[in-house]
Amino acid sequence: MPRFMTLIRIDEQNVPAEGISEGLQQRMGELLQEITKAGVMLETAGLAPSSEGTRVTWSGGRISSTDGPFTESKEVIGGYAILQAKDKAEAIEWTKRFLQVHEEYWTITSEVREIVGG
């Protein structure tokens, strides 16, 4: 069965100051339990803010690194999930359900890509 990675992109400037609501935590927990029982979820996690990250770039034969936050980026990867689904359509359906547990004031984009090789 193919595996898919969903990259969860958020605008760090628009994350609620109070963090994740209790309702969202509960809905997320229920969905994660359901997707795990279905045998689809292989791994998921959130990521530390971009202010704690470093970008390493190879360009023109040289390595450079830049510490966060990355102000030139509107969106950053805030988390990821690795799913094992029968096809891309199923992976997208689970991703839609993940997005829909958030309150309407959130703006989140998930990029779904098949993992090749390995």
PDB file of N, CA and C in Angstrom:
ATOM      1  N   MET A   1       0.838  -1.178   0.000  1.00  0.00           N
ATOM      2  CA  MET A   1       0.000   0.000   0.000  1.00  0.00           C
ATOM      3  C   MET A   1       0.888   1.249   0.000  1.00  0.00           C
ATOM      4  N   PRO A   2       0.554   2.235  -0.817  1.00  0.00           N
ATOM      5  CA  PRO A   2       1.394   3.433  -0.882  1.00  0.00           C
ATOM      6  C   PRO A   2       1.347   4.256   0.407  1.00  0.00           C
ATOM      7  N   ARG A   3       2.438   4.971   0.625  1.00  0.00           N
ATOM      8  CA  ARG A   3       2.533   5.867   1.778  1.00  0.00           C
ATOM      9  C   ARG A   3       2.534   7.304   1.262  1.00  0.00           C
ATOM     10  N   PHE A   4       1.975   8.189   2.072  1.00  0.00           N
ATOM     11  CA  PHE A   4       1.869   9.593   1.711  1.00  0.00           C
ATOM     12  C   PHE A   4       2.339  10.447   2.879  1.00  0.00           C
ATOM     13  N   MET A   5       2.987  11.556   2.548  1.00  0.00           N
ATOM     14  CA  MET A   5       3.350  12.527   3.570  1.00  0.00           C
ATOM     15  C   MET A   5       2.461  13.742   3.369  1.00  0.00           C
ATOM     16  N   THR A   6       1.865  14.206   4.461  1.00  0.00           N
ATOM     17  CA  THR A   6       1.144  15.464   4.413  1.00  0.00           C
ATOM     18  C   THR A   6       1.976  16.484   5.168  1.00  0.00           C
ATOM     19  N   LEU A   7       2.305  17.558   4.498  1.00  0.00           N
ATOM     20  CA  LEU A   7       3.048  18.662   5.095  1.00  0.00           C
ATOM     21  C   LEU A   7       2.034  19.725   5.473  1.00  0.00           C
ATOM     22  N   ILE A   8       1.947  20.035   6.732  1.00  0.00           N
ATOM     23  CA  ILE A   8       0.934  20.939   7.253  1.00  0.00           C
ATOM     24  C   ILE A   8       1.547  22.329   7.330  1.00  0.00           C
ATOM     25  N   ARG A   9       1.059  23.212   6.484  1.00  0.00           N
ATOM     26  CA  ARG A   9       1.599  24.568   6.399  1.00  0.00           C
ATOM     27  C   ARG A   9       0.692  25.532   7.150  1.00  0.00           C
ATOM     28  N   ILE A  10       1.308  26.369   7.973  1.00  0.00           N
ATOM     29  CA  ILE A  10       0.559  27.364   8.736  1.00  0.00           C
ATOM     30  C   ILE A  10       1.213  28.727   8.572  1.00  0.00           C
ATOM     31  N   ASP A  11       0.430  29.763   8.814  1.00  0.00           N
ATOM     32  CA  ASP A  11       0.955  31.118   8.879  1.00  0.00           C
ATOM     33  C   ASP A  11       1.192  31.394  10.356  1.00  0.00           C
ATOM     34  N   GLU A  12       2.438  31.383  10.792  1.00  0.00           N
ATOM     35  CA  GLU A  12       2.751  31.553  12.214  1.00  0.00           C
ATOM     36  C   GLU A  12       2.245  32.884  12.774  1.00  0.00           C
ATOM     37  N   GLN A  13       2.051  33.883  11.908  1.00  0.00           N
ATOM     38  CA  GLN A  13       1.563  35.184  12.364  1.00  0.00           C
ATOM     39  C   GLN A  13       0.092  35.135  12.760  1.00  0.00           C
ATOM     40  N   ASN A  14      -0.633  34.110  12.291  1.00  0.00           N
ATOM     41  CA  ASN A  14      -2.069  34.027  12.547  1.00  0.00           C
ATOM     42  C   ASN A  14      -2.466  32.881  13.456  1.00  0.00           C
ATOM     43  N   VAL A  15      -1.527  32.263  14.139  1.00  0.00           N
ATOM     44  CA  VAL A  15      -1.856  31.219  15.104  1.00  0.00           C
ATOM     45  C   VAL A  15      -2.435  31.901  16.344  1.00  0.00           C
ATOM     46  N   PRO A  16      -3.561  31.410  16.869  1.00  0.00           N
ATOM     47  CA  PRO A  16      -4.151  32.051  18.045  1.00  0.00           C
ATOM     48  C   PRO A  16      -3.154  32.147  19.196  1.00  0.00           C
ATOM     49  N   ALA A  17      -3.086  33.322  19.812  1.00  0.00           N
ATOM     50  CA  ALA A  17      -2.142  33.560  20.909  1.00  0.00           C
ATOM     51  C   ALA A  17      -2.366  32.598  22.058  1.00  0.00           C
ATOM     52  N   GLU A  18      -3.621  32.222  22.288  1.00  0.00           N
ATOM     53  CA  GLU A  18      -3.927  31.307  23.387  1.00  0.00           C
ATOM     54  C   GLU A  18      -3.634  29.858  23.040  1.00  0.00           C
ATOM     55  N   GLY A  19      -3.215  29.601  21.817  1.00  0.00           N
ATOM     56  CA  GLY A  19      -2.864  28.245  21.405  1.00  0.00           C
ATOM     57  C   GLY A  19      -4.081  27.450  20.969  1.00  0.00           C
ATOM     58  N   ILE A  20      -3.943  26.158  21.016  1.00  0.00           N
ATOM     59  CA  ILE A  20      -4.989  25.247  20.554  1.00  0.00           C
ATOM     60  C   ILE A  20      -6.090  25.163  21.610  1.00  0.00           C
ATOM     61  N   SER A  21      -7.340  25.303  21.184  1.00  0.00           N
ATOM     62  CA  SER A  21      -8.468  25.246  22.112  1.00  0.00           C
ATOM     63  C   SER A  21      -8.669  23.822  22.635  1.00  0.00           C
ATOM     64  N   GLU A  22      -9.353  23.711  23.764  1.00  0.00           N
ATOM     65  CA  GLU A  22      -9.653  22.383  24.321  1.00  0.00           C
ATOM     66  C   GLU A  22     -10.512  21.576  23.359  1.00  0.00           C
ATOM     67  N   GLY A  23     -11.461  22.259  22.704  1.00  0.00           N
ATOM     68  CA  GLY A  23     -12.313  21.567  21.741  1.00  0.00           C
ATOM     69  C   GLY A  23     -11.513  20.993  20.592  1.00  0.00           C
ATOM     70  N   LEU A  24     -10.555  21.766  20.086  1.00  0.00           N
ATOM     71  CA  LEU A  24      -9.703  21.284  18.997  1.00  0.00           C
ATOM     72  C   LEU A  24      -8.855  20.110  19.472  1.00  0.00           C
ATOM     73  N   GLN A  25      -8.319  20.205  20.664  1.00  0.00           N
ATOM     74  CA  GLN A  25      -7.521  19.094  21.204  1.00  0.00           C
ATOM     75  C   GLN A  25      -8.353  17.818  21.274  1.00  0.00           C
ATOM     76  N   GLN A  26      -9.593  17.942  21.719  1.00  0.00           N
ATOM     77  CA  GLN A  26     -10.454  16.768  21.829  1.00  0.00           C
ATOM     78  C   GLN A  26     -10.799  16.195  20.456  1.00  0.00           C
ATOM     79  N   ARG A  27     -11.213  17.061  19.525  1.00  0.00           N
ATOM     80  CA  ARG A  27     -11.546  16.590  18.174  1.00  0.00           C
ATOM     81  C   ARG A  27     -10.341  15.971  17.489  1.00  0.00           C
ATOM     82  N   MET A  28      -9.163  16.589  17.673  1.00  0.00           N
ATOM     83  CA  MET A  28      -7.936  16.063  17.067  1.00  0.00           C
ATOM     84  C   MET A  28      -7.607  14.687  17.648  1.00  0.00           C
ATOM     85  N   GLY A  29      -7.722  14.552  18.973  1.00  0.00           N
ATOM     86  CA  GLY A  29      -7.456  13.265  19.609  1.00  0.00           C
ATOM     87  C   GLY A  29      -8.374  12.175  19.096  1.00  0.00           C
ATOM     88  N   GLU A  30      -9.658  12.493  18.937  1.00  0.00           N
ATOM     89  CA  GLU A  30     -10.623  11.516  18.425  1.00  0.00           C
ATOM     90  C   GLU A  30     -10.302  11.110  16.996  1.00  0.00           C
ATOM     91  N   LEU A  31      -9.957  12.088  16.162  1.00  0.00           N
ATOM     92  CA  LEU A  31      -9.615  11.785  14.772  1.00  0.00           C
ATOM     93  C   LEU A  31      -8.337  10.947  14.699  1.00  0.00           C
ATOM     94  N   LEU A  32      -7.330  11.307  15.486  1.00  0.00           N
ATOM     95  CA  LEU A  32      -6.076  10.551  15.465  1.00  0.00           C
ATOM     96  C   LEU A  32      -6.299   9.120  15.933  1.00  0.00           C
ATOM     97  N   GLN A  33      -7.178   8.933  16.909  1.00  0.00           N
ATOM     98  CA  GLN A  33      -7.491   7.585  17.369  1.00  0.00           C
ATOM     99  C   GLN A  33      -8.191   6.800  16.252  1.00  0.00           C
ATOM    100  N   GLU A  34      -9.128   7.434  15.570  1.00  0.00           N
ATOM    101  CA  GLU A  34      -9.854   6.769  14.481  1.00  0.00           C
ATOM    102  C   GLU A  34      -8.925   6.408  13.316  1.00  0.00           C
ATOM    103  N   ILE A  35      -8.079   7.340  12.909  1.00  0.00           N
ATOM    104  CA  ILE A  35      -7.197   7.089  11.762  1.00  0.00           C
ATOM    105  C   ILE A  35      -6.129   6.045  12.100  1.00  0.00           C
ATOM    106  N   THR A  36      -5.724   6.002  13.368  1.00  0.00           N
ATOM    107  CA  THR A  36      -4.760   4.982  13.795  1.00  0.00           C
ATOM    108  C   THR A  36      -5.416   3.608  13.804  1.00  0.00           C
ATOM    109  N   LYS A  37      -6.627   3.514  14.344  1.00  0.00           N
ATOM    110  CA  LYS A  37      -7.362   2.236  14.356  1.00  0.00           C
ATOM    111  C   LYS A  37      -7.625   1.727  12.952  1.00  0.00           C
ATOM    112  N   ALA A  38      -7.816   2.653  12.004  1.00  0.00           N
ATOM    113  CA  ALA A  38      -8.056   2.267  10.612  1.00  0.00           C
ATOM    114  C   ALA A  38      -6.785   1.770   9.929  1.00  0.00           C
ATOM    115  N   GLY A  39      -5.629   1.896  10.610  1.00  0.00           N
ATOM    116  CA  GLY A  39      -4.366   1.441  10.047  1.00  0.00           C
ATOM    117  C   GLY A  39      -3.759   2.394   9.037  1.00  0.00           C
ATOM    118  N   VAL A  40      -4.247   3.632   9.015  1.00  0.00           N
ATOM    119  CA  VAL A  40      -3.783   4.610   8.032  1.00  0.00           C
ATOM    120  C   VAL A  40      -2.629   5.456   8.580  1.00  0.00           C
ATOM    121  N   MET A  41      -2.734   5.882   9.841  1.00  0.00           N
ATOM    122  CA  MET A  41      -1.712   6.756  10.428  1.00  0.00           C
ATOM    123  C   MET A  41      -0.472   5.951  10.809  1.00  0.00           C
ATOM    124  N   LEU A  42       0.657   6.327  10.241  1.00  0.00           N
ATOM    125  CA  LEU A  42       1.924   5.699  10.606  1.00  0.00           C
ATOM    126  C   LEU A  42       2.711   6.567  11.579  1.00  0.00           C
ATOM    127  N   GLU A  43       2.641   7.888  11.392  1.00  0.00           N
ATOM    128  CA  GLU A  43       3.385   8.815  12.250  1.00  0.00           C
ATOM    129  C   GLU A  43       2.852  10.223  12.041  1.00  0.00           C
ATOM    130  N   THR A  44       2.851  11.012  13.106  1.00  0.00           N
ATOM    131  CA  THR A  44       2.465  12.417  13.001  1.00  0.00           C
ATOM    132  C   THR A  44       3.118  13.199  14.128  1.00  0.00           C
ATOM    133  N   ALA A  45       3.364  14.467  13.882  1.00  0.00           N
ATOM    134  CA  ALA A  45       3.921  15.327  14.928  1.00  0.00           C
ATOM    135  C   ALA A  45       3.824  16.776  14.485  1.00  0.00           C
ATOM    136  N   GLY A  46       3.786  17.657  15.463  1.00  0.00           N
ATOM    137  CA  GLY A  46       3.907  19.081  15.204  1.00  0.00           C
ATOM    138  C   GLY A  46       5.378  19.452  15.265  1.00  0.00           C
ATOM    139  N   LEU A  47       5.697  20.620  14.768  1.00  0.00           N
ATOM    140  CA  LEU A  47       7.084  21.081  14.773  1.00  0.00           C
ATOM    141  C   LEU A  47       7.217  22.335  15.626  1.00  0.00           C
ATOM    142  N   ALA A  48       8.402  22.538  16.176  1.00  0.00           N
ATOM    143  CA  ALA A  48       8.693  23.745  16.943  1.00  0.00           C
ATOM    144  C   ALA A  48       8.560  24.959  16.011  1.00  0.00           C
ATOM    145  N   PRO A  49       8.337  26.138  16.552  1.00  0.00           N
ATOM    146  CA  PRO A  49       8.207  27.340  15.715  1.00  0.00           C
ATOM    147  C   PRO A  49       9.453  27.585  14.868  1.00  0.00           C
ATOM    148  N   SER A  50       9.256  28.281  13.759  1.00  0.00           N
ATOM    149  CA  SER A  50      10.387  28.546  12.861  1.00  0.00           C
ATOM    150  C   SER A  50      11.460  29.381  13.550  1.00  0.00           C
ATOM    151  N   SER A  51      11.098  30.114  14.598  1.00  0.00           N
ATOM    152  CA  SER A  51      12.098  30.902  15.331  1.00  0.00           C
ATOM    153  C   SER A  51      13.163  30.012  15.961  1.00  0.00           C
ATOM    154  N   GLU A  52      12.862  28.741  16.124  1.00  0.00           N
ATOM    155  CA  GLU A  52      13.817  27.792  16.697  1.00  0.00           C
ATOM    156  C   GLU A  52      14.515  26.954  15.631  1.00  0.00           C
ATOM    157  N   GLY A  53      14.225  27.219  14.363  1.00  0.00           N
ATOM    158  CA  GLY A  53      14.788  26.422  13.275  1.00  0.00           C
ATOM    159  C   GLY A  53      15.966  27.086  12.600  1.00  0.00           C
ATOM    160  N   THR A  54      16.631  26.322  11.755  1.00  0.00           N
ATOM    161  CA  THR A  54      17.734  26.811  10.926  1.00  0.00           C
ATOM    162  C   THR A  54      17.562  26.245   9.529  1.00  0.00           C
ATOM    163  N   ARG A  55      17.718  27.092   8.517  1.00  0.00           N
ATOM    164  CA  ARG A  55      17.711  26.645   7.123  1.00  0.00           C
ATOM    165  C   ARG A  55      19.149  26.531   6.657  1.00  0.00           C
ATOM    166  N   VAL A  56      19.458  25.404   6.052  1.00  0.00           N
ATOM    167  CA  VAL A  56      20.784  25.168   5.491  1.00  0.00           C
ATOM    168  C   VAL A  56      20.616  25.100   3.980  1.00  0.00           C
ATOM    169  N   THR A  57      21.399  25.911   3.253  1.00  0.00           N
ATOM    170  CA  THR A  57      21.247  26.042   1.804  1.00  0.00           C
ATOM    171  C   THR A  57      22.562  25.728   1.103  1.00  0.00           C
ATOM    172  N   TRP A  58      22.472  25.013   0.006  1.00  0.00           N
ATOM    173  CA  TRP A  58      23.583  24.765  -0.891  1.00  0.00           C
ATOM    174  C   TRP A  58      23.311  25.563  -2.157  1.00  0.00           C
ATOM    175  N   SER A  59      24.149  26.543  -2.483  1.00  0.00           N
ATOM    176  CA  SER A  59      23.946  27.378  -3.661  1.00  0.00           C
ATOM    177  C   SER A  59      25.292  27.904  -4.138  1.00  0.00           C
ATOM    178  N   GLY A  60      25.524  27.810  -5.433  1.00  0.00           N
ATOM    179  CA  GLY A  60      26.761  28.323  -6.005  1.00  0.00           C
ATOM    180  C   GLY A  60      27.991  27.640  -5.441  1.00  0.00           C
ATOM    181  N   GLY A  61      27.855  26.377  -5.049  1.00  0.00           N
ATOM    182  CA  GLY A  61      28.996  25.629  -4.523  1.00  0.00           C
ATOM    183  C   GLY A  61      29.334  25.973  -3.081  1.00  0.00           C
ATOM    184  N   ARG A  62      28.443  26.647  -2.375  1.00  0.00           N
ATOM    185  CA  ARG A  62      28.711  27.035  -0.984  1.00  0.00           C
ATOM    186  C   ARG A  62      27.524  26.676  -0.094  1.00  0.00           C
ATOM    187  N   ILE A  63      27.835  26.396   1.151  1.00  0.00           N
ATOM    188  CA  ILE A  63      26.834  26.131   2.182  1.00  0.00           C
ATOM    189  C   ILE A  63      26.615  27.411   2.980  1.00  0.00           C
ATOM    190  N   SER A  64      25.356  27.722   3.234  1.00  0.00           N
ATOM    191  CA  SER A  64      25.049  28.831   4.141  1.00  0.00           C
ATOM    192  C   SER A  64      23.937  28.368   5.065  1.00  0.00           C
ATOM    193  N   SER A  65      23.835  29.022   6.200  1.00  0.00           N
ATOM    194  CA  SER A  65      22.748  28.696   7.118  1.00  0.00           C
ATOM    195  C   SER A  65      22.137  29.989   7.652  1.00  0.00           C
ATOM    196  N   THR A  66      20.831  29.921   7.882  1.00  0.00           N
ATOM    197  CA  THR A  66      20.076  31.073   8.376  1.00  0.00           C
ATOM    198  C   THR A  66      19.216  30.606   9.536  1.00  0.00           C
ATOM    199  N   ASP A  67      19.366  31.267  10.672  1.00  0.00           N
ATOM    200  CA  ASP A  67      18.519  30.937  11.813  1.00  0.00           C
ATOM    201  C   ASP A  67      17.164  31.608  11.648  1.00  0.00           C
ATOM    202  N   GLY A  68      16.126  30.941  12.164  1.00  0.00           N
ATOM    203  CA  GLY A  68      14.763  31.471  12.121  1.00  0.00           C
ATOM    204  C   GLY A  68      14.589  32.601  13.111  1.00  0.00           C
ATOM    205  N   PRO A  69      13.501  33.296  13.072  1.00  0.00           N
ATOM    206  CA  PRO A  69      12.340  33.015  12.213  1.00  0.00           C
ATOM    207  C   PRO A  69      12.602  33.438  10.771  1.00  0.00           C
ATOM    208  N   PHE A  70      11.844  32.838   9.880  1.00  0.00           N
ATOM    209  CA  PHE A  70      12.045  33.064   8.455  1.00  0.00           C
ATOM    210  C   PHE A  70      11.000  34.060   7.973  1.00  0.00           C
ATOM    211  N   THR A  71      11.310  35.330   8.123  1.00  0.00           N
ATOM    212  CA  THR A  71      10.348  36.394   7.862  1.00  0.00           C
ATOM    213  C   THR A  71       9.943  36.491   6.401  1.00  0.00           C
ATOM    214  N   GLU A  72      10.761  35.979   5.491  1.00  0.00           N
ATOM    215  CA  GLU A  72      10.414  36.056   4.075  1.00  0.00           C
ATOM    216  C   GLU A  72       9.347  35.041   3.695  1.00  0.00           C
ATOM    217  N   SER A  73       9.046  34.108   4.587  1.00  0.00           N
ATOM    218  CA  SER A  73       8.051  33.079   4.313  1.00  0.00           C
ATOM    219  C   SER A  73       6.737  33.422   4.991  1.00  0.00           C
ATOM    220  N   LYS A  74       5.658  33.411   4.224  1.00  0.00           N
ATOM    221  CA  LYS A  74       4.352  33.610   4.839  1.00  0.00           C
ATOM    222  C   LYS A  74       3.928  32.332   5.542  1.00  0.00           C
ATOM    223  N   GLU A  75       4.160  31.193   4.913  1.00  0.00           N
ATOM    224  CA  GLU A  75       3.770  29.918   5.487  1.00  0.00           C
ATOM    225  C   GLU A  75       5.017  29.115   5.847  1.00  0.00           C
ATOM    226  N   VAL A  76       4.922  28.377   6.937  1.00  0.00           N
ATOM    227  CA  VAL A  76       5.981  27.458   7.327  1.00  0.00           C
ATOM    228  C   VAL A  76       5.351  26.099   7.607  1.00  0.00           C
ATOM    229  N   ILE A  77       6.160  25.068   7.583  1.00  0.00           N
ATOM    230  CA  ILE A  77       5.661  23.736   7.903  1.00  0.00           C
ATOM    231  C   ILE A  77       5.520  23.649   9.410  1.00  0.00           C
ATOM    232  N   GLY A  78       4.287  23.449   9.868  1.00  0.00           N
ATOM    233  CA  GLY A  78       4.004  23.401  11.295  1.00  0.00           C
ATOM    234  C   GLY A  78       3.886  21.984  11.825  1.00  0.00           C
ATOM    235  N   GLY A  79       3.816  21.011  10.926  1.00  0.00           N
ATOM    236  CA  GLY A  79       3.699  19.622  11.333  1.00  0.00           C
ATOM    237  C   GLY A  79       3.660  18.725  10.114  1.00  0.00           C
ATOM    238  N   TYR A  80       3.542  17.441  10.363  1.00  0.00           N
ATOM    239  CA  TYR A  80       3.496  16.480   9.269  1.00  0.00           C
ATOM    240  C   TYR A  80       2.761  15.230   9.726  1.00  0.00           C
ATOM    241  N   ALA A  81       2.362  14.430   8.763  1.00  0.00           N
ATOM    242  CA  ALA A  81       1.813  13.102   9.037  1.00  0.00           C
ATOM    243  C   ALA A  81       2.263  12.183   7.923  1.00  0.00           C
ATOM    244  N   ILE A  82       2.508  10.946   8.275  1.00  0.00           N
ATOM    245  CA  ILE A  82       2.797   9.923   7.275  1.00  0.00           C
ATOM    246  C   ILE A  82       1.641   8.930   7.327  1.00  0.00           C
ATOM    247  N   LEU A  83       0.959   8.809   6.194  1.00  0.00           N
ATOM    248  CA  LEU A  83      -0.219   7.961   6.081  1.00  0.00           C
ATOM    249  C   LEU A  83       0.062   6.805   5.147  1.00  0.00           C
ATOM    250  N   GLN A  84      -0.573   5.677   5.410  1.00  0.00           N
ATOM    251  CA  GLN A  84      -0.532   4.540   4.498  1.00  0.00           C
ATOM    252  C   GLN A  84      -1.972   4.327   4.050  1.00  0.00           C
ATOM    253  N   ALA A  85      -2.253   4.644   2.797  1.00  0.00           N
ATOM    254  CA  ALA A  85      -3.610   4.598   2.284  1.00  0.00           C
ATOM    255  C   ALA A  85      -3.651   3.782   0.998  1.00  0.00           C
ATOM    256  N   LYS A  86      -4.867   3.359   0.632  1.00  0.00           N
ATOM    257  CA  LYS A  86      -4.980   2.546  -0.584  1.00  0.00           C
ATOM    258  C   LYS A  86      -4.633   3.339  -1.834  1.00  0.00           C
ATOM    259  N   ASP A  87      -4.869   4.666  -1.776  1.00  0.00           N
ATOM    260  CA  ASP A  87      -4.533   5.525  -2.916  1.00  0.00           C
ATOM    261  C   ASP A  87      -4.505   6.983  -2.453  1.00  0.00           C
ATOM    262  N   LYS A  88      -4.151   7.865  -3.379  1.00  0.00           N
ATOM    263  CA  LYS A  88      -4.046   9.283  -3.041  1.00  0.00           C
ATOM    264  C   LYS A  88      -5.396   9.862  -2.629  1.00  0.00           C
ATOM    265  N   ALA A  89      -6.475   9.399  -3.245  1.00  0.00           N
ATOM    266  CA  ALA A  89      -7.801   9.907  -2.905  1.00  0.00           C
ATOM    267  C   ALA A  89      -8.126   9.654  -1.432  1.00  0.00           C
ATOM    268  N   GLU A  90      -7.787   8.473  -0.936  1.00  0.00           N
ATOM    269  CA  GLU A  90      -8.049   8.175   0.472  1.00  0.00           C
ATOM    270  C   GLU A  90      -7.183   9.060   1.378  1.00  0.00           C
ATOM    271  N   ALA A  91      -5.925   9.258   1.013  1.00  0.00           N
ATOM    272  CA  ALA A  91      -5.040  10.127   1.802  1.00  0.00           C
ATOM    273  C   ALA A  91      -5.593  11.553   1.838  1.00  0.00           C
ATOM    274  N   ILE A  92      -6.128  12.024   0.731  1.00  0.00           N
ATOM    275  CA  ILE A  92      -6.700  13.368   0.676  1.00  0.00           C
ATOM    276  C   ILE A  92      -7.951  13.451   1.545  1.00  0.00           C
ATOM    277  N   GLU A  93      -8.782  12.426   1.544  1.00  0.00           N
ATOM    278  CA  GLU A  93      -9.993  12.442   2.381  1.00  0.00           C
ATOM    279  C   GLU A  93      -9.641  12.538   3.862  1.00  0.00           C
ATOM    280  N   TRP A  94      -8.649  11.765   4.317  1.00  0.00           N
ATOM    281  CA  TRP A  94      -8.223  11.857   5.716  1.00  0.00           C
ATOM    282  C   TRP A  94      -7.648  13.242   6.007  1.00  0.00           C
ATOM    283  N   THR A  95      -6.922  13.807   5.055  1.00  0.00           N
ATOM    284  CA  THR A  95      -6.334  15.141   5.234  1.00  0.00           C
ATOM    285  C   THR A  95      -7.434  16.193   5.356  1.00  0.00           C
ATOM    286  N   LYS A  96      -8.475  16.083   4.545  1.00  0.00           N
ATOM    287  CA  LYS A  96      -9.606  17.009   4.649  1.00  0.00           C
ATOM    288  C   LYS A  96     -10.242  16.929   6.032  1.00  0.00           C
ATOM    289  N   ARG A  97     -10.412  15.725   6.534  1.00  0.00           N
ATOM    290  CA  ARG A  97     -11.000  15.566   7.870  1.00  0.00           C
ATOM    291  C   ARG A  97     -10.118  16.208   8.932  1.00  0.00           C
ATOM    292  N   PHE A  98      -8.811  16.077   8.786  1.00  0.00           N
ATOM    293  CA  PHE A  98      -7.872  16.714   9.715  1.00  0.00           C
ATOM    294  C   PHE A  98      -8.064  18.234   9.700  1.00  0.00           C
ATOM    295  N   LEU A  99      -8.147  18.811   8.524  1.00  0.00           N
ATOM    296  CA  LEU A  99      -8.308  20.262   8.418  1.00  0.00           C
ATOM    297  C   LEU A  99      -9.640  20.711   9.015  1.00  0.00           C
ATOM    298  N   GLN A 100     -10.683  19.932   8.812  1.00  0.00           N
ATOM    299  CA  GLN A 100     -12.023  20.322   9.249  1.00  0.00           C
ATOM    300  C   GLN A 100     -12.231  20.256  10.760  1.00  0.00           C
ATOM    301  N   VAL A 101     -11.344  19.624  11.523  1.00  0.00           N
ATOM    302  CA  VAL A 101     -11.509  19.633  12.986  1.00  0.00           C
ATOM    303  C   VAL A 101     -11.097  20.978  13.574  1.00  0.00           C
ATOM    304  N   HIS A 102     -10.403  21.810  12.800  1.00  0.00           N
ATOM    305  CA  HIS A 102      -9.980  23.133  13.263  1.00  0.00           C
ATOM    306  C   HIS A 102     -11.137  24.121  13.200  1.00  0.00           C
ATOM    307  N   GLU A 103     -11.118  25.090  14.092  1.00  0.00           N
ATOM    308  CA  GLU A 103     -12.112  26.159  14.045  1.00  0.00           C
ATOM    309  C   GLU A 103     -11.915  26.972  12.770  1.00  0.00           C
ATOM    310  N   GLU A 104     -12.960  27.688  12.373  1.00  0.00           N
ATOM    311  CA  GLU A 104     -12.923  28.386  11.088  1.00  0.00           C
ATOM    312  C   GLU A 104     -11.927  29.533  11.040  1.00  0.00           C
ATOM    313  N   TYR A 105     -11.448  30.026  12.173  1.00  0.00           N
ATOM    314  CA  TYR A 105     -10.481  31.130  12.143  1.00  0.00           C
ATOM    315  C   TYR A 105      -9.062  30.659  11.819  1.00  0.00           C
ATOM    316  N   TRP A 106      -8.813  29.351  11.811  1.00  0.00           N
ATOM    317  CA  TRP A 106      -7.505  28.823  11.419  1.00  0.00           C
ATOM    318  C   TRP A 106      -7.370  28.902   9.894  1.00  0.00           C
ATOM    319  N   THR A 107      -6.151  29.134   9.424  1.00  0.00           N
ATOM    320  CA  THR A 107      -5.828  29.007   8.008  1.00  0.00           C
ATOM    321  C   THR A 107      -4.687  28.009   7.908  1.00  0.00           C
ATOM    322  N   ILE A 108      -4.990  26.846   7.351  1.00  0.00           N
ATOM    323  CA  ILE A 108      -4.017  25.749   7.276  1.00  0.00           C
ATOM    324  C   ILE A 108      -4.089  25.156   5.880  1.00  0.00           C
ATOM    325  N   THR A 109      -2.946  24.841   5.328  1.00  0.00           N
ATOM    326  CA  THR A 109      -2.859  24.157   4.046  1.00  0.00           C
ATOM    327  C   THR A 109      -2.069  22.875   4.258  1.00  0.00           C
ATOM    328  N   SER A 110      -2.578  21.771   3.742  1.00  0.00           N
ATOM    329  CA  SER A 110      -1.835  20.512   3.810  1.00  0.00           C
ATOM    330  C   SER A 110      -1.485  20.070   2.400  1.00  0.00           C
ATOM    331  N   GLU A 111      -0.222  19.817   2.191  1.00  0.00           N
ATOM    332  CA  GLU A 111       0.259  19.318   0.907  1.00  0.00           C
ATOM    333  C   GLU A 111       0.393  17.801   1.043  1.00  0.00           C
ATOM    334  N   VAL A 112      -0.284  17.054   0.175  1.00  0.00           N
ATOM    335  CA  VAL A 112      -0.270  15.586   0.212  1.00  0.00           C
ATOM    336  C   VAL A 112       0.610  15.099  -0.936  1.00  0.00           C
ATOM    337  N   ARG A 113       1.655  14.335  -0.570  1.00  0.00           N
ATOM    338  CA  ARG A 113       2.584  13.822  -1.588  1.00  0.00           C
ATOM    339  C   ARG A 113       2.908  12.365  -1.309  1.00  0.00           C
ATOM    340  N   GLU A 114       2.939  11.569  -2.359  1.00  0.00           N
ATOM    341  CA  GLU A 114       3.287  10.154  -2.192  1.00  0.00           C
ATOM    342  C   GLU A 114       4.784  10.027  -1.914  1.00  0.00           C
ATOM    343  N   ILE A 115       5.105   9.121  -1.020  1.00  0.00           N
ATOM    344  CA  ILE A 115       6.501   8.822  -0.715  1.00  0.00           C
ATOM    345  C   ILE A 115       6.966   7.781  -1.723  1.00  0.00           C
ATOM    346  N   VAL A 116       8.022   8.088  -2.453  1.00  0.00           N
ATOM    347  CA  VAL A 116       8.528   7.153  -3.468  1.00  0.00           C
ATOM    348  C   VAL A 116       9.784   6.475  -2.932  1.00  0.00           C
ATOM    349  N   GLY A 117       9.957   5.217  -3.310  1.00  0.00           N
ATOM    350  CA  GLY A 117      11.128   4.472  -2.853  1.00  0.00           C
ATOM    351  C   GLY A 117      11.085   4.183  -1.374  1.00  0.00           C
ATOM    352  N   GLY A 118      12.182   3.633  -0.892  1.00  0.00           N
ATOM    353  CA  GLY A 118      12.320   3.372   0.534  1.00  0.00           C
ATOM    354  C   GLY A 118      11.338   2.405   1.009  1.00  0.00           C
TER     355      GLY A 118
END
